[in-house]
Amino acid sequence: MSEKKPSVWEGFKAFLMRGNVVDLAVAVVIGAAFTNIVNSVVKGIINPLVGTIGTKNLDTYYSCIKGPCTGAGDNATGVRLLWGSVLGATLTFVITATVVYFLMVLPMSKYLARMEARRKAKEGTQEVMEVTELEVLKEIRDALIAQRGSGHDGR
């Protein structure tokens, strides 16, 4: 007899029903929403602060590395090194990483550490109780052995 192989549809269904896929989908949706928040912070707060010493749009910062750099967009001439875009992306990344660490990772780490400490304390208490019960049972055993040895059978 040959074993029935699962169909492609059954395999796909099993894949979707695993928790990892749902967790990943939730993470992507939350990440997209979070990206909008960070981009708004950069455009609304960081860029104006940088604008106090220059322009509000970091993308306008560049260095000309070849020829006269004139014009903008499709009419631009020369070779430009767009370091302002890199700076803006770097600031966005640093802000995102900072917010994720301080608002998500650090509190979750502290929470998990507290839960682990509680679990260990609970296990320690349970071990003490088990040891105490074991000691009591040993004492009862020793008392019964001593009772038998002295000729009393307790009837």
N, C-alpha and C. Protein backbone atom coordinates (compact mmCIF):
# COMPACT_ATOMS: atom_id res chain seq x y z
N MET A 1 0.84 -1.19 0.00
CA MET A 1 0.00 0.00 0.00
C MET A 1 0.88 1.25 0.00
N SER A 2 0.48 2.23 -0.74
CA SER A 2 1.24 3.48 -0.78
C SER A 2 0.57 4.50 0.13
N GLU A 3 1.43 5.28 0.78
CA GLU A 3 0.90 6.33 1.66
C GLU A 3 0.36 7.47 0.83
N LYS A 4 -0.71 8.07 1.32
CA LYS A 4 -1.31 9.21 0.61
C LYS A 4 -0.48 10.45 0.92
N LYS A 5 0.06 11.08 -0.11
CA LYS A 5 0.86 12.29 0.07
C LYS A 5 -0.10 13.48 0.21
N PRO A 6 0.24 14.40 1.13
CA PRO A 6 -0.63 15.58 1.25
C PRO A 6 -0.58 16.41 -0.02
N SER A 7 -1.72 16.95 -0.38
CA SER A 7 -1.78 17.78 -1.58
C SER A 7 -1.10 19.11 -1.33
N VAL A 8 -0.83 19.80 -2.41
CA VAL A 8 -0.20 21.12 -2.31
C VAL A 8 -1.11 22.05 -1.52
N TRP A 9 -2.40 21.96 -1.75
CA TRP A 9 -3.36 22.83 -1.05
C TRP A 9 -3.34 22.56 0.45
N GLU A 10 -3.28 21.26 0.85
CA GLU A 10 -3.23 20.92 2.27
C GLU A 10 -1.94 21.44 2.91
N GLY A 11 -0.82 21.32 2.18
CA GLY A 11 0.45 21.85 2.70
C GLY A 11 0.41 23.36 2.86
N PHE A 12 -0.19 24.05 1.88
CA PHE A 12 -0.31 25.50 1.96
C PHE A 12 -1.20 25.90 3.13
N LYS A 13 -2.29 25.16 3.31
CA LYS A 13 -3.21 25.44 4.41
C LYS A 13 -2.50 25.25 5.76
N ALA A 14 -1.72 24.18 5.88
CA ALA A 14 -0.96 23.94 7.12
C ALA A 14 0.05 25.06 7.36
N PHE A 15 0.69 25.52 6.29
CA PHE A 15 1.66 26.61 6.39
C PHE A 15 0.98 27.88 6.91
N LEU A 16 -0.19 28.19 6.36
CA LEU A 16 -0.90 29.41 6.78
C LEU A 16 -1.41 29.31 8.22
N MET A 17 -1.71 28.12 8.67
CA MET A 17 -2.29 27.96 10.00
C MET A 17 -1.23 28.00 11.11
N ARG A 18 0.04 27.92 10.73
CA ARG A 18 1.08 28.06 11.74
C ARG A 18 1.08 29.49 12.26
N GLY A 19 1.42 29.68 13.51
CA GLY A 19 1.41 31.00 14.12
C GLY A 19 2.43 31.95 13.53
N ASN A 20 3.53 31.43 12.98
CA ASN A 20 4.59 32.28 12.46
C ASN A 20 4.09 33.19 11.34
N VAL A 21 3.24 32.68 10.48
CA VAL A 21 2.77 33.47 9.33
C VAL A 21 1.91 34.63 9.82
N VAL A 22 1.04 34.35 10.77
CA VAL A 22 0.18 35.40 11.31
C VAL A 22 1.02 36.44 12.05
N ASP A 23 1.98 35.99 12.85
CA ASP A 23 2.86 36.92 13.56
C ASP A 23 3.62 37.80 12.59
N LEU A 24 4.11 37.20 11.52
CA LEU A 24 4.86 37.96 10.52
C LEU A 24 3.97 39.00 9.84
N ALA A 25 2.75 38.62 9.51
CA ALA A 25 1.82 39.56 8.87
C ALA A 25 1.52 40.74 9.79
N VAL A 26 1.30 40.45 11.07
CA VAL A 26 1.04 41.52 12.03
C VAL A 26 2.26 42.43 12.16
N ALA A 27 3.44 41.85 12.18
CA ALA A 27 4.66 42.65 12.30
C ALA A 27 4.84 43.56 11.09
N VAL A 28 4.53 43.07 9.90
CA VAL A 28 4.67 43.89 8.69
C VAL A 28 3.69 45.06 8.72
N VAL A 29 2.45 44.79 9.11
CA VAL A 29 1.44 45.86 9.16
C VAL A 29 1.83 46.91 10.20
N ILE A 30 2.24 46.47 11.38
CA ILE A 30 2.63 47.41 12.42
C ILE A 30 3.90 48.16 12.00
N GLY A 31 4.83 47.47 11.35
CA GLY A 31 6.04 48.12 10.87
C GLY A 31 5.75 49.21 9.85
N ALA A 32 4.79 48.94 8.96
CA ALA A 32 4.42 49.96 7.96
C ALA A 32 3.81 51.18 8.63
N ALA A 33 2.94 50.95 9.59
CA ALA A 33 2.33 52.07 10.31
C ALA A 33 3.39 52.83 11.11
N PHE A 34 4.31 52.11 11.71
CA PHE A 34 5.36 52.73 12.49
C PHE A 34 6.29 53.56 11.60
N THR A 35 6.54 53.07 10.39
CA THR A 35 7.38 53.81 9.44
C THR A 35 6.76 55.16 9.12
N ASN A 36 5.45 55.20 8.97
CA ASN A 36 4.77 56.47 8.72
C ASN A 36 4.97 57.45 9.87
N ILE A 37 4.90 56.94 11.09
CA ILE A 37 5.10 57.80 12.26
C ILE A 37 6.52 58.36 12.27
N VAL A 38 7.50 57.49 12.05
CA VAL A 38 8.89 57.94 12.07
C VAL A 38 9.15 58.95 10.95
N ASN A 39 8.63 58.66 9.76
CA ASN A 39 8.82 59.61 8.65
C ASN A 39 8.19 60.96 8.97
N SER A 40 7.04 60.96 9.64
CA SER A 40 6.40 62.22 10.03
C SER A 40 7.25 62.96 11.05
N VAL A 41 7.85 62.24 11.99
CA VAL A 41 8.72 62.88 12.99
C VAL A 41 9.93 63.49 12.30
N VAL A 42 10.51 62.76 11.34
CA VAL A 42 11.68 63.28 10.63
C VAL A 42 11.30 64.51 9.83
N LYS A 43 10.21 64.43 9.07
CA LYS A 43 9.81 65.57 8.23
C LYS A 43 9.28 66.74 9.05
N GLY A 44 8.59 66.46 10.16
CA GLY A 44 7.97 67.52 10.93
C GLY A 44 8.84 68.13 12.01
N ILE A 45 9.83 67.37 12.51
CA ILE A 45 10.64 67.86 13.63
C ILE A 45 12.12 67.94 13.26
N ILE A 46 12.68 66.82 12.79
CA ILE A 46 14.12 66.78 12.53
C ILE A 46 14.50 67.70 11.38
N ASN A 47 13.80 67.59 10.24
CA ASN A 47 14.16 68.43 9.10
C ASN A 47 14.05 69.92 9.40
N PRO A 48 13.00 70.39 10.10
CA PRO A 48 12.98 71.82 10.44
C PRO A 48 14.13 72.22 11.37
N LEU A 49 14.52 71.33 12.29
CA LEU A 49 15.67 71.63 13.14
C LEU A 49 16.94 71.75 12.32
N VAL A 50 17.11 70.82 11.37
CA VAL A 50 18.26 70.91 10.47
C VAL A 50 18.12 72.16 9.61
N GLY A 51 16.88 72.52 9.26
CA GLY A 51 16.62 73.69 8.44
C GLY A 51 17.03 74.99 9.09
N THR A 52 17.20 75.00 10.41
CA THR A 52 17.65 76.22 11.08
C THR A 52 19.09 76.57 10.70
N ILE A 53 19.85 75.56 10.25
CA ILE A 53 21.23 75.83 9.82
C ILE A 53 21.37 75.69 8.30
N GLY A 54 20.28 75.38 7.62
CA GLY A 54 20.34 75.20 6.16
C GLY A 54 18.93 75.13 5.62
N THR A 55 18.68 74.14 4.81
CA THR A 55 17.36 73.97 4.22
C THR A 55 16.60 72.86 4.95
N LYS A 56 15.27 72.91 4.87
CA LYS A 56 14.45 71.91 5.55
C LYS A 56 14.49 70.56 4.87
N ASN A 57 14.77 70.53 3.59
CA ASN A 57 14.79 69.29 2.83
C ASN A 57 16.22 68.79 2.71
N LEU A 58 16.54 67.70 3.40
CA LEU A 58 17.90 67.17 3.37
C LEU A 58 18.29 66.67 1.98
N ASP A 59 17.30 66.32 1.16
CA ASP A 59 17.59 65.80 -0.17
C ASP A 59 18.26 66.85 -1.07
N THR A 60 18.17 68.11 -0.69
CA THR A 60 18.78 69.16 -1.52
C THR A 60 20.28 69.31 -1.28
N TYR A 61 20.80 68.67 -0.24
CA TYR A 61 22.24 68.75 0.02
C TYR A 61 22.98 67.79 -0.90
N TYR A 62 23.97 68.29 -1.59
CA TYR A 62 24.76 67.44 -2.49
C TYR A 62 26.12 68.08 -2.69
N SER A 63 27.01 67.29 -3.24
CA SER A 63 28.33 67.80 -3.65
C SER A 63 28.51 67.46 -5.11
N CYS A 64 29.06 68.39 -5.85
CA CYS A 64 29.30 68.20 -7.27
C CYS A 64 30.69 67.57 -7.43
N ILE A 65 30.74 66.38 -8.03
CA ILE A 65 32.04 65.72 -8.15
C ILE A 65 32.59 65.77 -9.58
N LYS A 66 31.76 66.20 -10.56
CA LYS A 66 32.28 66.32 -11.92
C LYS A 66 31.46 67.36 -12.68
N GLY A 67 32.14 68.24 -13.28
CA GLY A 67 31.52 69.23 -14.16
C GLY A 67 30.69 70.25 -13.42
N PRO A 68 30.18 71.20 -14.14
CA PRO A 68 29.30 72.17 -13.47
C PRO A 68 27.95 71.51 -13.18
N CYS A 69 27.53 71.57 -11.93
CA CYS A 69 26.25 71.00 -11.53
C CYS A 69 25.21 72.11 -11.57
N THR A 70 24.38 72.07 -12.58
CA THR A 70 23.32 73.06 -12.71
C THR A 70 22.02 72.35 -12.96
N GLY A 71 20.94 73.04 -12.70
CA GLY A 71 19.62 72.49 -12.95
C GLY A 71 19.20 71.48 -11.90
N ALA A 72 17.99 70.97 -12.09
CA ALA A 72 17.45 69.98 -11.17
C ALA A 72 16.63 68.97 -11.94
N GLY A 73 16.43 67.79 -11.37
CA GLY A 73 15.61 66.76 -12.00
C GLY A 73 16.22 66.26 -13.29
N ASP A 74 15.39 66.21 -14.36
CA ASP A 74 15.84 65.71 -15.67
C ASP A 74 16.80 66.69 -16.36
N ASN A 75 16.75 67.94 -15.99
CA ASN A 75 17.60 68.95 -16.61
C ASN A 75 18.95 69.12 -15.90
N ALA A 76 19.24 68.29 -14.91
CA ALA A 76 20.47 68.42 -14.13
C ALA A 76 21.68 68.05 -14.97
N THR A 77 22.75 68.78 -14.76
CA THR A 77 24.01 68.48 -15.43
C THR A 77 25.08 68.20 -14.38
N GLY A 78 26.13 67.53 -14.78
CA GLY A 78 27.21 67.21 -13.85
C GLY A 78 26.89 65.95 -13.07
N VAL A 79 27.85 65.52 -12.27
CA VAL A 79 27.67 64.32 -11.43
C VAL A 79 27.59 64.78 -9.98
N ARG A 80 26.46 64.47 -9.37
CA ARG A 80 26.22 64.90 -7.98
C ARG A 80 26.33 63.73 -7.01
N LEU A 81 26.90 64.00 -5.88
CA LEU A 81 26.96 63.06 -4.77
C LEU A 81 25.88 63.52 -3.79
N LEU A 82 24.76 62.77 -3.71
CA LEU A 82 23.60 63.19 -2.92
C LEU A 82 23.73 62.74 -1.46
N TRP A 83 24.63 63.36 -0.74
CA TRP A 83 24.87 62.97 0.65
C TRP A 83 23.74 63.40 1.57
N GLY A 84 22.93 64.35 1.19
CA GLY A 84 21.79 64.76 2.01
C GLY A 84 20.75 63.66 2.12
N SER A 85 20.52 62.92 1.04
CA SER A 85 19.58 61.80 1.08
C SER A 85 20.06 60.71 2.02
N VAL A 86 21.37 60.46 1.97
CA VAL A 86 21.95 59.44 2.85
C VAL A 86 21.83 59.89 4.31
N LEU A 87 22.09 61.16 4.55
CA LEU A 87 21.97 61.70 5.91
C LEU A 87 20.53 61.57 6.41
N GLY A 88 19.57 61.90 5.57
CA GLY A 88 18.15 61.79 5.95
C GLY A 88 17.76 60.36 6.26
N ALA A 89 18.19 59.42 5.40
CA ALA A 89 17.88 58.01 5.63
C ALA A 89 18.55 57.51 6.91
N THR A 90 19.78 57.97 7.16
CA THR A 90 20.49 57.57 8.37
C THR A 90 19.78 58.10 9.62
N LEU A 91 19.36 59.36 9.58
CA LEU A 91 18.61 59.92 10.72
C LEU A 91 17.31 59.15 10.95
N THR A 92 16.62 58.80 9.88
CA THR A 92 15.38 58.03 10.01
C THR A 92 15.66 56.68 10.65
N PHE A 93 16.73 56.02 10.21
CA PHE A 93 17.09 54.72 10.78
C PHE A 93 17.44 54.84 12.26
N VAL A 94 18.26 55.82 12.61
CA VAL A 94 18.68 55.98 14.01
C VAL A 94 17.48 56.28 14.90
N ILE A 95 16.59 57.14 14.43
CA ILE A 95 15.39 57.47 15.21
C ILE A 95 14.51 56.24 15.36
N THR A 96 14.32 55.50 14.27
CA THR A 96 13.50 54.28 14.33
C THR A 96 14.10 53.29 15.31
N ALA A 97 15.41 53.04 15.21
CA ALA A 97 16.06 52.08 16.11
C ALA A 97 15.96 52.53 17.56
N THR A 98 16.12 53.82 17.80
CA THR A 98 16.03 54.35 19.17
C THR A 98 14.64 54.17 19.74
N VAL A 99 13.65 54.53 18.97
CA VAL A 99 12.26 54.41 19.45
C VAL A 99 11.90 52.95 19.67
N VAL A 100 12.26 52.08 18.73
CA VAL A 100 11.95 50.65 18.88
C VAL A 100 12.64 50.10 20.13
N TYR A 101 13.89 50.46 20.36
CA TYR A 101 14.61 49.94 21.52
C TYR A 101 13.99 50.42 22.83
N PHE A 102 13.78 51.74 22.95
CA PHE A 102 13.33 52.28 24.22
C PHE A 102 11.83 52.07 24.48
N LEU A 103 11.04 51.97 23.44
CA LEU A 103 9.60 51.80 23.66
C LEU A 103 9.13 50.37 23.53
N MET A 104 9.94 49.49 22.91
CA MET A 104 9.48 48.12 22.73
C MET A 104 10.44 47.09 23.32
N VAL A 105 11.70 47.12 22.91
CA VAL A 105 12.64 46.08 23.32
C VAL A 105 12.97 46.16 24.80
N LEU A 106 13.34 47.34 25.29
CA LEU A 106 13.73 47.49 26.69
C LEU A 106 12.59 47.15 27.65
N PRO A 107 11.37 47.70 27.46
CA PRO A 107 10.28 47.32 28.36
C PRO A 107 9.96 45.82 28.31
N MET A 108 10.01 45.23 27.11
CA MET A 108 9.73 43.80 27.00
C MET A 108 10.80 42.98 27.70
N SER A 109 12.05 43.38 27.59
CA SER A 109 13.13 42.67 28.28
C SER A 109 12.96 42.73 29.78
N LYS A 110 12.61 43.92 30.28
CA LYS A 110 12.39 44.06 31.73
C LYS A 110 11.21 43.22 32.19
N TYR A 111 10.16 43.21 31.40
CA TYR A 111 8.97 42.42 31.73
C TYR A 111 9.31 40.93 31.77
N LEU A 112 10.03 40.45 30.75
CA LEU A 112 10.39 39.03 30.71
C LEU A 112 11.34 38.67 31.85
N ALA A 113 12.23 39.58 32.23
CA ALA A 113 13.14 39.32 33.35
C ALA A 113 12.35 39.21 34.65
N ARG A 114 11.36 40.08 34.83
CA ARG A 114 10.52 40.00 36.04
C ARG A 114 9.74 38.69 36.07
N MET A 115 9.19 38.29 34.93
CA MET A 115 8.42 37.04 34.87
C MET A 115 9.33 35.85 35.17
N GLU A 116 10.55 35.86 34.66
CA GLU A 116 11.50 34.78 34.91
C GLU A 116 11.88 34.75 36.39
N ALA A 117 12.09 35.91 37.01
CA ALA A 117 12.42 35.97 38.44
C ALA A 117 11.27 35.42 39.27
N ARG A 118 10.04 35.78 38.90
CA ARG A 118 8.87 35.25 39.62
C ARG A 118 8.78 33.74 39.48
N ARG A 119 9.04 33.24 38.25
CA ARG A 119 8.97 31.80 38.03
C ARG A 119 10.03 31.08 38.85
N LYS A 120 11.26 31.64 38.88
CA LYS A 120 12.32 31.01 39.66
C LYS A 120 12.01 31.05 41.15
N ALA A 121 11.45 32.16 41.62
CA ALA A 121 11.08 32.26 43.04
C ALA A 121 10.00 31.24 43.37
N LYS A 122 9.06 31.07 42.48
CA LYS A 122 7.98 30.10 42.69
C LYS A 122 8.54 28.68 42.71
N GLU A 123 9.47 28.39 41.78
CA GLU A 123 10.10 27.07 41.76
C GLU A 123 10.90 26.84 43.03
N GLY A 124 11.62 27.88 43.50
CA GLY A 124 12.40 27.76 44.73
C GLY A 124 11.51 27.46 45.91
N THR A 125 10.36 28.11 46.00
CA THR A 125 9.41 27.86 47.08
C THR A 125 8.88 26.45 46.99
N GLN A 126 8.58 26.01 45.78
CA GLN A 126 8.06 24.66 45.59
C GLN A 126 9.12 23.63 45.98
N GLU A 127 10.41 23.87 45.65
CA GLU A 127 11.47 22.95 46.04
C GLU A 127 11.59 22.88 47.55
N VAL A 128 11.49 24.02 48.24
CA VAL A 128 11.57 24.04 49.70
C VAL A 128 10.42 23.23 50.27
N MET A 129 9.21 23.40 49.69
CA MET A 129 8.06 22.65 50.18
C MET A 129 8.27 21.15 49.94
N GLU A 130 8.80 20.78 48.77
CA GLU A 130 9.03 19.37 48.48
C GLU A 130 10.07 18.79 49.42
N VAL A 131 11.13 19.54 49.69
CA VAL A 131 12.16 19.07 50.61
C VAL A 131 11.58 18.91 52.00
N THR A 132 10.76 19.86 52.43
CA THR A 132 10.13 19.77 53.74
C THR A 132 9.23 18.56 53.83
N GLU A 133 8.43 18.30 52.80
CA GLU A 133 7.56 17.13 52.78
C GLU A 133 8.39 15.85 52.82
N LEU A 134 9.49 15.85 52.09
CA LEU A 134 10.37 14.69 52.07
C LEU A 134 10.96 14.45 53.45
N GLU A 135 11.37 15.51 54.12
CA GLU A 135 11.92 15.37 55.47
C GLU A 135 10.87 14.82 56.43
N VAL A 136 9.64 15.30 56.32
CA VAL A 136 8.56 14.81 57.18
C VAL A 136 8.31 13.33 56.91
N LEU A 137 8.28 12.94 55.65
CA LEU A 137 8.07 11.53 55.32
C LEU A 137 9.22 10.67 55.85
N LYS A 138 10.45 11.16 55.79
CA LYS A 138 11.59 10.42 56.33
C LYS A 138 11.44 10.26 57.84
N GLU A 139 11.01 11.32 58.51
CA GLU A 139 10.82 11.24 59.97
C GLU A 139 9.74 10.22 60.31
N ILE A 140 8.66 10.19 59.54
CA ILE A 140 7.58 9.22 59.79
C ILE A 140 8.13 7.81 59.57
N ARG A 141 8.90 7.62 58.48
CA ARG A 141 9.49 6.31 58.21
C ARG A 141 10.40 5.89 59.36
N ASP A 142 11.26 6.83 59.81
CA ASP A 142 12.18 6.51 60.90
C ASP A 142 11.43 6.17 62.17
N ALA A 143 10.32 6.91 62.41
CA ALA A 143 9.51 6.63 63.60
C ALA A 143 8.87 5.25 63.51
N LEU A 144 8.38 4.88 62.33
CA LEU A 144 7.78 3.55 62.16
C LEU A 144 8.82 2.46 62.32
N ILE A 145 10.03 2.69 61.78
CA ILE A 145 11.10 1.70 61.95
C ILE A 145 11.47 1.57 63.42
N ALA A 146 11.56 2.69 64.11
CA ALA A 146 11.90 2.68 65.53
C ALA A 146 10.81 1.98 66.32
N GLN A 147 9.56 2.18 65.93
CA GLN A 147 8.43 1.56 66.61
C GLN A 147 8.48 0.04 66.42
N ARG A 148 8.78 -0.41 65.23
CA ARG A 148 8.89 -1.84 64.96
C ARG A 148 10.06 -2.44 65.73
N GLY A 149 11.14 -1.69 65.80
CA GLY A 149 12.34 -2.19 66.48
C GLY A 149 12.12 -2.32 67.98
N SER A 150 11.25 -1.54 68.57
CA SER A 150 11.04 -1.61 70.02
C SER A 150 9.97 -2.63 70.37
N GLY A 151 9.39 -3.32 69.39
CA GLY A 151 8.45 -4.38 69.67
C GLY A 151 7.01 -3.93 69.65
N HIS A 152 6.73 -2.69 69.44
CA HIS A 152 5.35 -2.21 69.33
C HIS A 152 4.94 -2.29 67.88
N ASP A 153 3.87 -3.01 67.62
CA ASP A 153 3.42 -3.03 66.24
C ASP A 153 2.19 -2.18 66.07
N GLY A 154 1.77 -1.49 67.06
CA GLY A 154 0.72 -0.49 66.97
C GLY A 154 -0.68 -1.06 66.87
N ARG A 155 -0.90 -2.38 67.24
CA ARG A 155 -2.26 -2.93 67.16
C ARG A 155 -2.91 -2.98 68.48
